[in-house]
Amino acid sequence: MGHCLFMRKGEVHTAPVTYKANFADNTWEQIIDACHKNKVPATWAVGNQKPMTINGTAYAIDIIGKGHDDYADGSGKAPLTFQMHDCYGEEYAMNGTNTNSGGWTNCAMRKTHLPAILSKMPTEVQSGIREINKKVGVGGGASSGIESVNDYLFLLGEVEIFGVTNYTIVGEGTQYDYYKAGNSKVKKRNGTSDAWWERSPLINRSVNFCATNSSGASDYINATYKRGVAFAFCF
């Protein structure tokens, strides 16, 4: 005897979302769905790239890590971490005054500039991004002390890029596989190489945040200087 399928009044049955093996062939909606369901295809690899239009400009977005970052709600690891391949079109300062007191937690970059950029990202991306827990030095010239911060958009720390702590407090995380594999640390802004900010306050100094300079080397810069922004996020 055949089986009949009945749909209750008011029910809506939708087909399951499918994903393409080649990362770039998927829409951002498909990528978000795969991350939220923890069903990321094994073929989506660190170093894969896809464009995203932000405020009318297309930016390349890289996969820089798999299972690297912790969801802020304690539900486990984000399947993928993404970062801008190059810098956002505008430069920003970390703070309006020349200080790293308050650290990443209270700086203008985190509280003002990144939220403004987030509001210009595609609607589906804004709603799909999930908060990630990051570790960062406390700033203010401290030589020790790590705090936890929950972020939607975030900047990388020195150790997450270079795998070392030349200018930062130990404990801000571990190197992303993208950079561990030797991919370039040089990022361009509007076609020209630019220094790009890290979230790490400079250890033992109260006026600087760390950055990656235009040659791709670890560096530090006064907090009021405007430099490139290459933010990261997870779904």
C-alpha atoms as a PDB file:
ATOM      1  CA  MET A   1       0.000   0.000   0.000  1.00  0.00           C
ATOM      2  CA  GLY A   2       1.333   3.430  -0.916  1.00  0.00           C
ATOM      3  CA  HIS A   3       1.912   6.072   1.720  1.00  0.00           C
ATOM      4  CA  CYS A   4       0.254   9.479   1.538  1.00  0.00           C
ATOM      5  CA  LEU A   5       1.852  12.628   2.885  1.00  0.00           C
ATOM      6  CA  PHE A   6      -0.479  15.163   4.430  1.00  0.00           C
ATOM      7  CA  MET A   7       0.298  18.819   5.125  1.00  0.00           C
ATOM      8  CA  ARG A   8      -1.530  20.515   7.946  1.00  0.00           C
ATOM      9  CA  LYS A   9      -3.240  23.775   7.162  1.00  0.00           C
ATOM     10  CA  GLY A  10      -0.851  26.686   7.585  1.00  0.00           C
ATOM     11  CA  GLU A  11       2.315  24.575   7.334  1.00  0.00           C
ATOM     12  CA  VAL A  12       5.022  25.633   4.915  1.00  0.00           C
ATOM     13  CA  HIS A  13       7.516  23.001   3.787  1.00  0.00           C
ATOM     14  CA  THR A  14      10.688  24.317   2.184  1.00  0.00           C
ATOM     15  CA  ALA A  15      13.379  22.352   0.409  1.00  0.00           C
ATOM     16  CA  PRO A  16      16.647  21.956   2.332  1.00  0.00           C
ATOM     17  CA  VAL A  17      19.423  24.362   1.358  1.00  0.00           C
ATOM     18  CA  THR A  18      22.137  22.771  -0.762  1.00  0.00           C
ATOM     19  CA  TYR A  19      25.730  23.902  -0.972  1.00  0.00           C
ATOM     20  CA  LYS A  20      28.146  23.908  -3.896  1.00  0.00           C
ATOM     21  CA  ALA A  21      31.534  22.262  -3.490  1.00  0.00           C
ATOM     22  CA  ASN A  22      33.352  25.337  -4.775  1.00  0.00           C
ATOM     23  CA  PHE A  23      33.093  27.944  -2.028  1.00  0.00           C
ATOM     24  CA  ALA A  24      32.863  30.977  -4.323  1.00  0.00           C
ATOM     25  CA  ASP A  25      29.916  29.472  -6.233  1.00  0.00           C
ATOM     26  CA  ASN A  26      27.687  29.755  -3.153  1.00  0.00           C
ATOM     27  CA  THR A  27      25.629  32.794  -2.223  1.00  0.00           C
ATOM     28  CA  TRP A  28      26.264  34.424   1.137  1.00  0.00           C
ATOM     29  CA  GLU A  29      22.879  33.069   2.221  1.00  0.00           C
ATOM     30  CA  GLN A  30      24.089  29.529   1.503  1.00  0.00           C
ATOM     31  CA  ILE A  31      27.360  30.132   3.332  1.00  0.00           C
ATOM     32  CA  ILE A  32      25.528  31.547   6.359  1.00  0.00           C
ATOM     33  CA  ASP A  33      23.144  28.572   6.387  1.00  0.00           C
ATOM     34  CA  ALA A  34      26.022  26.072   6.226  1.00  0.00           C
ATOM     35  CA  CYS A  35      27.809  27.764   9.122  1.00  0.00           C
ATOM     36  CA  HIS A  36      24.696  28.041  11.283  1.00  0.00           C
ATOM     37  CA  LYS A  37      23.886  24.355  10.712  1.00  0.00           C
ATOM     38  CA  ASN A  38      27.554  23.316  11.094  1.00  0.00           C
ATOM     39  CA  LYS A  39      27.386  21.617   7.704  1.00  0.00           C
ATOM     40  CA  VAL A  40      30.289  23.323   5.962  1.00  0.00           C
ATOM     41  CA  PRO A  41      31.509  21.164   3.048  1.00  0.00           C
ATOM     42  CA  ALA A  42      35.016  19.792   3.456  1.00  0.00           C
ATOM     43  CA  THR A  43      35.885  21.354   0.093  1.00  0.00           C
ATOM     44  CA  TRP A  44      35.574  24.879   1.532  1.00  0.00           C
ATOM     45  CA  ALA A  45      39.192  25.517   2.450  1.00  0.00           C
ATOM     46  CA  VAL A  46      41.286  28.140   4.201  1.00  0.00           C
ATOM     47  CA  GLY A  47      42.353  30.610   1.526  1.00  0.00           C
ATOM     48  CA  ASN A  48      39.110  30.347  -0.458  1.00  0.00           C
ATOM     49  CA  GLN A  49      37.748  33.737  -1.383  1.00  0.00           C
ATOM     50  CA  LYS A  50      34.475  35.372  -2.369  1.00  0.00           C
ATOM     51  CA  PRO A  51      33.474  39.013  -3.011  1.00  0.00           C
ATOM     52  CA  MET A  52      31.076  40.935  -0.767  1.00  0.00           C
ATOM     53  CA  THR A  53      29.646  44.335  -1.627  1.00  0.00           C
ATOM     54  CA  ILE A  54      29.863  46.807   1.261  1.00  0.00           C
ATOM     55  CA  ASN A  55      28.604  50.351   0.820  1.00  0.00           C
ATOM     56  CA  GLY A  56      28.683  49.952  -2.972  1.00  0.00           C
ATOM     57  CA  THR A  57      32.218  48.529  -3.217  1.00  0.00           C
ATOM     58  CA  ALA A  58      33.102  44.865  -3.798  1.00  0.00           C
ATOM     59  CA  TYR A  59      35.688  43.525  -1.339  1.00  0.00           C
ATOM     60  CA  ALA A  60      37.332  40.104  -1.448  1.00  0.00           C
ATOM     61  CA  ILE A  61      36.647  38.061   1.700  1.00  0.00           C
ATOM     62  CA  ASP A  62      38.977  35.181   2.662  1.00  0.00           C
ATOM     63  CA  ILE A  63      38.402  32.110   4.804  1.00  0.00           C
ATOM     64  CA  ILE A  64      41.253  32.433   7.329  1.00  0.00           C
ATOM     65  CA  GLY A  65      40.349  29.687   9.810  1.00  0.00           C
ATOM     66  CA  LYS A  66      38.208  26.600  10.333  1.00  0.00           C
ATOM     67  CA  GLY A  67      36.958  25.786  13.851  1.00  0.00           C
ATOM     68  CA  HIS A  68      39.210  28.511  15.235  1.00  0.00           C
ATOM     69  CA  ASP A  69      36.909  30.918  17.105  1.00  0.00           C
ATOM     70  CA  ASP A  70      34.496  30.382  19.987  1.00  0.00           C
ATOM     71  CA  TYR A  71      30.886  31.530  19.837  1.00  0.00           C
ATOM     72  CA  ALA A  72      30.187  34.025  22.604  1.00  0.00           C
ATOM     73  CA  ASP A  73      27.126  32.084  23.777  1.00  0.00           C
ATOM     74  CA  GLY A  74      29.244  29.029  24.612  1.00  0.00           C
ATOM     75  CA  SER A  75      27.685  26.846  21.920  1.00  0.00           C
ATOM     76  CA  GLY A  76      31.016  25.790  20.434  1.00  0.00           C
ATOM     77  CA  LYS A  77      33.351  26.727  17.616  1.00  0.00           C
ATOM     78  CA  ALA A  78      32.402  28.775  14.577  1.00  0.00           C
ATOM     79  CA  PRO A  79      32.964  26.547  11.530  1.00  0.00           C
ATOM     80  CA  LEU A  80      34.662  29.342   9.568  1.00  0.00           C
ATOM     81  CA  THR A  81      36.344  32.666  10.271  1.00  0.00           C
ATOM     82  CA  PHE A  82      36.430  35.281   7.515  1.00  0.00           C
ATOM     83  CA  GLN A  83      38.592  38.364   6.994  1.00  0.00           C
ATOM     84  CA  MET A  84      38.836  41.092   4.381  1.00  0.00           C
ATOM     85  CA  HIS A  85      41.615  40.268   1.933  1.00  0.00           C
ATOM     86  CA  ASP A  86      42.494  43.953   1.706  1.00  0.00           C
ATOM     87  CA  CYS A  87      41.502  47.033   3.679  1.00  0.00           C
ATOM     88  CA  TYR A  88      38.186  48.815   3.774  1.00  0.00           C
ATOM     89  CA  GLY A  89      38.055  51.934   1.601  1.00  0.00           C
ATOM     90  CA  GLU A  90      38.345  54.409   4.475  1.00  0.00           C
ATOM     91  CA  GLU A  91      41.046  54.687   7.142  1.00  0.00           C
ATOM     92  CA  TYR A  92      40.165  55.084  10.819  1.00  0.00           C
ATOM     93  CA  ALA A  93      41.959  55.842  14.089  1.00  0.00           C
ATOM     94  CA  MET A  94      41.740  53.487  17.041  1.00  0.00           C
ATOM     95  CA  ASN A  95      40.866  56.378  19.362  1.00  0.00           C
ATOM     96  CA  GLY A  96      40.133  60.080  19.192  1.00  0.00           C
ATOM     97  CA  THR A  97      42.851  60.755  21.762  1.00  0.00           C
ATOM     98  CA  ASN A  98      46.330  59.291  21.832  1.00  0.00           C
ATOM     99  CA  THR A  99      45.763  56.477  24.308  1.00  0.00           C
ATOM    100  CA  ASN A 100      45.217  52.736  24.510  1.00  0.00           C
ATOM    101  CA  SER A 101      43.729  52.996  28.009  1.00  0.00           C
ATOM    102  CA  GLY A 102      40.513  51.013  28.060  1.00  0.00           C
ATOM    103  CA  GLY A 103      42.137  48.684  25.552  1.00  0.00           C
ATOM    104  CA  TRP A 104      40.207  47.160  22.677  1.00  0.00           C
ATOM    105  CA  THR A 105      37.079  46.953  24.821  1.00  0.00           C
ATOM    106  CA  ASN A 106      36.492  50.704  24.968  1.00  0.00           C
ATOM    107  CA  CYS A 107      38.266  52.036  21.886  1.00  0.00           C
ATOM    108  CA  ALA A 108      36.518  54.066  19.204  1.00  0.00           C
ATOM    109  CA  MET A 109      37.346  51.469  16.552  1.00  0.00           C
ATOM    110  CA  ARG A 110      35.313  48.807  18.365  1.00  0.00           C
ATOM    111  CA  LYS A 111      32.512  50.992  19.714  1.00  0.00           C
ATOM    112  CA  THR A 112      31.975  53.390  16.787  1.00  0.00           C
ATOM    113  CA  HIS A 113      33.786  52.631  13.529  1.00  0.00           C
ATOM    114  CA  LEU A 114      33.214  48.883  13.147  1.00  0.00           C
ATOM    115  CA  PRO A 115      29.490  49.100  14.048  1.00  0.00           C
ATOM    116  CA  ALA A 116      29.133  51.811  11.380  1.00  0.00           C
ATOM    117  CA  ILE A 117      30.740  49.525   8.792  1.00  0.00           C
ATOM    118  CA  LEU A 118      28.565  46.596   9.900  1.00  0.00           C
ATOM    119  CA  SER A 119      25.453  48.686   9.207  1.00  0.00           C
ATOM    120  CA  LYS A 120      26.585  49.016   5.561  1.00  0.00           C
ATOM    121  CA  MET A 121      27.082  45.282   4.977  1.00  0.00           C
ATOM    122  CA  PRO A 122      24.459  43.218   3.106  1.00  0.00           C
ATOM    123  CA  THR A 123      21.293  42.688   5.153  1.00  0.00           C
ATOM    124  CA  GLU A 124      21.600  38.897   5.147  1.00  0.00           C
ATOM    125  CA  VAL A 125      25.191  39.178   6.349  1.00  0.00           C
ATOM    126  CA  GLN A 126      24.281  41.583   9.162  1.00  0.00           C
ATOM    127  CA  SER A 127      21.630  39.182  10.439  1.00  0.00           C
ATOM    128  CA  GLY A 128      23.853  36.124   9.923  1.00  0.00           C
ATOM    129  CA  ILE A 129      26.965  37.281  11.802  1.00  0.00           C
ATOM    130  CA  ARG A 130      27.270  35.742  15.260  1.00  0.00           C
ATOM    131  CA  GLU A 131      29.151  37.112  18.262  1.00  0.00           C
ATOM    132  CA  ILE A 132      32.589  35.659  18.858  1.00  0.00           C
ATOM    133  CA  ASN A 133      34.562  35.690  22.107  1.00  0.00           C
ATOM    134  CA  LYS A 134      38.020  37.199  21.701  1.00  0.00           C
ATOM    135  CA  LYS A 135      40.909  37.623  24.143  1.00  0.00           C
ATOM    136  CA  VAL A 136      42.896  40.840  24.288  1.00  0.00           C
ATOM    137  CA  GLY A 137      45.382  42.679  26.458  1.00  0.00           C
ATOM    138  CA  VAL A 138      43.901  45.248  28.834  1.00  0.00           C
ATOM    139  CA  GLY A 139      45.947  48.209  27.555  1.00  0.00           C
ATOM    140  CA  GLY A 140      46.858  51.289  29.583  1.00  0.00           C
ATOM    141  CA  GLY A 141      50.540  50.408  29.617  1.00  0.00           C
ATOM    142  CA  ALA A 142      49.987  47.091  31.404  1.00  0.00           C
ATOM    143  CA  SER A 143      52.582  44.328  31.149  1.00  0.00           C
ATOM    144  CA  SER A 144      50.050  41.584  31.943  1.00  0.00           C
ATOM    145  CA  GLY A 145      46.312  41.026  32.009  1.00  0.00           C
ATOM    146  CA  ILE A 146      43.919  39.538  29.460  1.00  0.00           C
ATOM    147  CA  GLU A 147      40.211  40.253  29.146  1.00  0.00           C
ATOM    148  CA  SER A 148      37.428  38.575  27.171  1.00  0.00           C
ATOM    149  CA  VAL A 149      35.368  40.606  24.714  1.00  0.00           C
ATOM    150  CA  ASN A 150      32.386  39.571  22.569  1.00  0.00           C
ATOM    151  CA  ASP A 151      32.409  40.955  19.031  1.00  0.00           C
ATOM    152  CA  TYR A 152      30.474  40.798  15.763  1.00  0.00           C
ATOM    153  CA  LEU A 153      33.240  42.446  13.737  1.00  0.00           C
ATOM    154  CA  PHE A 154      36.742  42.327  15.174  1.00  0.00           C
ATOM    155  CA  LEU A 155      40.344  43.080  14.340  1.00  0.00           C
ATOM    156  CA  LEU A 156      42.999  40.393  14.564  1.00  0.00           C
ATOM    157  CA  GLY A 157      45.636  40.353  17.295  1.00  0.00           C
ATOM    158  CA  GLU A 158      49.371  40.244  16.678  1.00  0.00           C
ATOM    159  CA  VAL A 159      49.699  36.555  17.556  1.00  0.00           C
ATOM    160  CA  GLU A 160      46.752  35.636  15.307  1.00  0.00           C
ATOM    161  CA  ILE A 161      48.647  37.065  12.329  1.00  0.00           C
ATOM    162  CA  PHE A 162      52.304  36.398  13.115  1.00  0.00           C
ATOM    163  CA  GLY A 163      52.207  33.536  15.611  1.00  0.00           C
ATOM    164  CA  VAL A 164      54.442  35.520  18.016  1.00  0.00           C
ATOM    165  CA  THR A 165      54.048  38.190  20.694  1.00  0.00           C
ATOM    166  CA  ASN A 166      56.750  40.772  20.032  1.00  0.00           C
ATOM    167  CA  TYR A 167      54.652  43.733  21.146  1.00  0.00           C
ATOM    168  CA  THR A 168      51.697  42.217  22.979  1.00  0.00           C
ATOM    169  CA  ILE A 169      50.640  40.399  26.111  1.00  0.00           C
ATOM    170  CA  VAL A 170      50.600  36.603  25.810  1.00  0.00           C
ATOM    171  CA  GLY A 171      47.123  35.096  25.649  1.00  0.00           C
ATOM    172  CA  GLU A 172      45.341  36.866  22.784  1.00  0.00           C
ATOM    173  CA  GLY A 173      44.794  33.668  20.819  1.00  0.00           C
ATOM    174  CA  THR A 174      46.625  31.545  18.265  1.00  0.00           C
ATOM    175  CA  GLN A 175      47.732  32.082  14.695  1.00  0.00           C
ATOM    176  CA  TYR A 176      45.111  31.625  11.991  1.00  0.00           C
ATOM    177  CA  ASP A 177      45.866  28.888   9.473  1.00  0.00           C
ATOM    178  CA  TYR A 178      45.680  31.394   6.609  1.00  0.00           C
ATOM    179  CA  TYR A 179      48.729  33.230   7.920  1.00  0.00           C
ATOM    180  CA  LYS A 180      50.399  30.073   9.196  1.00  0.00           C
ATOM    181  CA  ALA A 181      50.344  28.834   5.589  1.00  0.00           C
ATOM    182  CA  GLY A 182      52.458  31.806   4.534  1.00  0.00           C
ATOM    183  CA  ASN A 183      49.831  33.933   2.830  1.00  0.00           C
ATOM    184  CA  SER A 184      50.765  37.587   2.435  1.00  0.00           C
ATOM    185  CA  LYS A 185      50.298  39.948   5.368  1.00  0.00           C
ATOM    186  CA  VAL A 186      50.444  42.966   3.040  1.00  0.00           C
ATOM    187  CA  LYS A 187      47.023  44.529   2.492  1.00  0.00           C
ATOM    188  CA  LYS A 188      46.058  47.267   0.076  1.00  0.00           C
ATOM    189  CA  ARG A 189      43.623  50.116   0.447  1.00  0.00           C
ATOM    190  CA  ASN A 190      42.241  51.417  -2.824  1.00  0.00           C
ATOM    191  CA  GLY A 191      45.088  49.698  -4.666  1.00  0.00           C
ATOM    192  CA  THR A 192      48.003  50.898  -2.515  1.00  0.00           C
ATOM    193  CA  SER A 193      49.648  48.964   0.329  1.00  0.00           C
ATOM    194  CA  ASP A 194      48.631  50.347   3.711  1.00  0.00           C
ATOM    195  CA  ALA A 195      49.286  49.603   7.373  1.00  0.00           C
ATOM    196  CA  TRP A 196      46.316  47.889   9.012  1.00  0.00           C
ATOM    197  CA  TRP A 197      45.264  47.955  12.640  1.00  0.00           C
ATOM    198  CA  GLU A 198      45.301  45.070  15.105  1.00  0.00           C
ATOM    199  CA  ARG A 199      43.148  45.007  18.246  1.00  0.00           C
ATOM    200  CA  SER A 200      46.207  44.481  20.461  1.00  0.00           C
ATOM    201  CA  PRO A 201      47.325  47.353  22.722  1.00  0.00           C
ATOM    202  CA  LEU A 202      51.110  47.742  22.764  1.00  0.00           C
ATOM    203  CA  ILE A 203      52.572  46.186  25.910  1.00  0.00           C
ATOM    204  CA  ASN A 204      54.116  48.595  28.479  1.00  0.00           C
ATOM    205  CA  ARG A 205      53.035  51.667  26.490  1.00  0.00           C
ATOM    206  CA  SER A 206      49.833  53.659  26.914  1.00  0.00           C
ATOM    207  CA  VAL A 207      49.565  55.499  23.585  1.00  0.00           C
ATOM    208  CA  ASN A 208      49.912  52.795  20.906  1.00  0.00           C
ATOM    209  CA  PHE A 209      48.001  49.936  19.368  1.00  0.00           C
ATOM    210  CA  CYS A 210      49.716  47.268  17.315  1.00  0.00           C
ATOM    211  CA  ALA A 211      49.427  47.130  13.547  1.00  0.00           C
ATOM    212  CA  THR A 212      50.764  45.326  10.506  1.00  0.00           C
ATOM    213  CA  ASN A 213      52.747  47.833   8.472  1.00  0.00           C
ATOM    214  CA  SER A 214      52.573  48.384   4.722  1.00  0.00           C
ATOM    215  CA  SER A 215      55.451  45.915   4.217  1.00  0.00           C
ATOM    216  CA  GLY A 216      53.601  43.179   6.120  1.00  0.00           C
ATOM    217  CA  ALA A 217      55.700  43.355   9.306  1.00  0.00           C
ATOM    218  CA  SER A 218      54.548  43.562  12.935  1.00  0.00           C
ATOM    219  CA  ASP A 219      54.541  47.157  14.156  1.00  0.00           C
ATOM    220  CA  TYR A 220      52.778  49.656  16.442  1.00  0.00           C
ATOM    221  CA  ILE A 221      51.260  53.088  15.814  1.00  0.00           C
ATOM    222  CA  ASN A 222      49.875  56.006  17.836  1.00  0.00           C
ATOM    223  CA  ALA A 223      46.193  55.455  18.559  1.00  0.00           C
ATOM    224  CA  THR A 224      45.095  58.709  16.857  1.00  0.00           C
ATOM    225  CA  TYR A 225      46.682  57.884  13.498  1.00  0.00           C
ATOM    226  CA  LYS A 226      44.298  56.812  10.750  1.00  0.00           C
ATOM    227  CA  ARG A 227      45.285  53.478   9.217  1.00  0.00           C
ATOM    228  CA  GLY A 228      43.672  50.633   7.288  1.00  0.00           C
ATOM    229  CA  VAL A 229      40.958  48.328   8.611  1.00  0.00           C
ATOM    230  CA  ALA A 230      40.761  44.654   7.622  1.00  0.00           C
ATOM    231  CA  PHE A 231      38.111  43.270   9.947  1.00  0.00           C
ATOM    232  CA  ALA A 232      37.096  39.669  10.568  1.00  0.00           C
ATOM    233  CA  PHE A 233      33.812  37.936  11.467  1.00  0.00           C
ATOM    234  CA  CYS A 234      32.045  34.608  11.794  1.00  0.00           C
ATOM    235  CA  PHE A 235      28.573  33.262  10.973  1.00  0.00           C
END
